[in-house]
Amino acid sequence: MSGDHADPKFLTVAEVAAMMRVSKMTVYRLVHSGELPAVRVGRSFRVTEDDVDEYLRKSFYSAG
């Protein structure tokens, strides 16, 4: 890397699900639909913490 950013922290699907308080299946759906970027490592997926934060930031809406 260029050194401009810290190394990304990769999370497992289970860690993302716990962080977002949703099921692992919901995270898999987000990954497969392309809404949540992920990297495939072998048979599993890894998601950067920054991508989770960005997804949540974009998902907020104002009610009322």
C-alpha atoms as a PDB file:
ATOM      1  CA  MET A   1       0.000   0.000   0.000  1.00  0.00           C
ATOM      2  CA  SER A   2       1.012   3.596  -0.431  1.00  0.00           C
ATOM      3  CA  GLY A   3       1.089   4.267   3.314  1.00  0.00           C
ATOM      4  CA  ASP A   4      -1.666   6.912   3.103  1.00  0.00           C
ATOM      5  CA  HIS A   5      -4.125   4.672   4.942  1.00  0.00           C
ATOM      6  CA  ALA A   6      -3.746   2.143   7.713  1.00  0.00           C
ATOM      7  CA  ASP A   7      -4.057  -1.493   6.697  1.00  0.00           C
ATOM      8  CA  PRO A   8      -7.740  -2.385   6.453  1.00  0.00           C
ATOM      9  CA  LYS A   9      -9.206  -4.550   9.209  1.00  0.00           C
ATOM     10  CA  PHE A  10     -10.984  -7.542   7.710  1.00  0.00           C
ATOM     11  CA  LEU A  11     -14.007  -8.988   9.480  1.00  0.00           C
ATOM     12  CA  THR A  12     -15.686 -12.364   9.097  1.00  0.00           C
ATOM     13  CA  VAL A  13     -19.356 -12.625   8.179  1.00  0.00           C
ATOM     14  CA  ALA A  14     -20.104 -13.611  11.792  1.00  0.00           C
ATOM     15  CA  GLU A  15     -18.279 -10.528  13.097  1.00  0.00           C
ATOM     16  CA  VAL A  16     -20.154  -8.259  10.669  1.00  0.00           C
ATOM     17  CA  ALA A  17     -23.464  -9.847  11.696  1.00  0.00           C
ATOM     18  CA  ALA A  18     -22.704  -9.296  15.383  1.00  0.00           C
ATOM     19  CA  MET A  19     -21.625  -5.715  14.728  1.00  0.00           C
ATOM     20  CA  MET A  20     -24.819  -4.923  12.794  1.00  0.00           C
ATOM     21  CA  ARG A  21     -27.055  -7.037  15.087  1.00  0.00           C
ATOM     22  CA  VAL A  22     -28.393  -9.083  12.161  1.00  0.00           C
ATOM     23  CA  SER A  23     -28.146 -12.729  11.140  1.00  0.00           C
ATOM     24  CA  LYS A  24     -25.254 -14.120   9.119  1.00  0.00           C
ATOM     25  CA  MET A  25     -27.749 -14.870   6.316  1.00  0.00           C
ATOM     26  CA  THR A  26     -28.572 -11.161   6.089  1.00  0.00           C
ATOM     27  CA  VAL A  27     -24.865 -10.365   5.681  1.00  0.00           C
ATOM     28  CA  TYR A  28     -24.527 -13.055   2.989  1.00  0.00           C
ATOM     29  CA  ARG A  29     -27.497 -11.533   1.144  1.00  0.00           C
ATOM     30  CA  LEU A  30     -25.888  -8.075   1.270  1.00  0.00           C
ATOM     31  CA  VAL A  31     -22.601  -9.491  -0.027  1.00  0.00           C
ATOM     32  CA  HIS A  32     -24.195 -11.507  -2.834  1.00  0.00           C
ATOM     33  CA  SER A  33     -26.371  -8.579  -3.936  1.00  0.00           C
ATOM     34  CA  GLY A  34     -23.319  -6.326  -4.108  1.00  0.00           C
ATOM     35  CA  GLU A  35     -24.605  -3.898  -1.469  1.00  0.00           C
ATOM     36  CA  LEU A  36     -21.728  -4.800   0.853  1.00  0.00           C
ATOM     37  CA  PRO A  37     -18.309  -5.244  -0.801  1.00  0.00           C
ATOM     38  CA  ALA A  38     -16.433  -8.373   0.256  1.00  0.00           C
ATOM     39  CA  VAL A  39     -13.331 -10.358  -0.594  1.00  0.00           C
ATOM     40  CA  ARG A  40     -13.557 -14.101  -1.043  1.00  0.00           C
ATOM     41  CA  VAL A  41     -10.859 -16.030   0.818  1.00  0.00           C
ATOM     42  CA  GLY A  42     -11.150 -19.697   0.023  1.00  0.00           C
ATOM     43  CA  ARG A  43     -14.744 -20.620   0.778  1.00  0.00           C
ATOM     44  CA  SER A  44     -15.410 -17.699   3.111  1.00  0.00           C
ATOM     45  CA  PHE A  45     -15.870 -13.960   2.779  1.00  0.00           C
ATOM     46  CA  ARG A  46     -14.105 -11.077   4.492  1.00  0.00           C
ATOM     47  CA  VAL A  47     -15.463  -7.551   4.710  1.00  0.00           C
ATOM     48  CA  THR A  48     -13.426  -4.503   5.651  1.00  0.00           C
ATOM     49  CA  GLU A  49     -14.546  -2.575   8.709  1.00  0.00           C
ATOM     50  CA  ASP A  50     -14.525   0.603   6.589  1.00  0.00           C
ATOM     51  CA  ASP A  51     -16.987  -0.965   4.115  1.00  0.00           C
ATOM     52  CA  VAL A  52     -19.326  -1.923   6.972  1.00  0.00           C
ATOM     53  CA  ASP A  53     -19.144   1.629   8.361  1.00  0.00           C
ATOM     54  CA  GLU A  54     -19.811   3.094   4.912  1.00  0.00           C
ATOM     55  CA  TYR A  55     -22.783   0.780   4.310  1.00  0.00           C
ATOM     56  CA  LEU A  56     -24.302   1.750   7.654  1.00  0.00           C
ATOM     57  CA  ARG A  57     -23.658   5.445   7.044  1.00  0.00           C
ATOM     58  CA  LYS A  58     -25.457   5.284   3.687  1.00  0.00           C
ATOM     59  CA  SER A  59     -28.330   3.275   5.195  1.00  0.00           C
ATOM     60  CA  PHE A  60     -29.338   5.873   7.759  1.00  0.00           C
ATOM     61  CA  TYR A  61     -32.526   7.767   7.034  1.00  0.00           C
ATOM     62  CA  SER A  62     -34.479  10.417   8.846  1.00  0.00           C
ATOM     63  CA  ALA A  63     -37.868   9.254  10.118  1.00  0.00           C
ATOM     64  CA  GLY A  64     -40.467  11.923  10.613  1.00  0.00           C
END
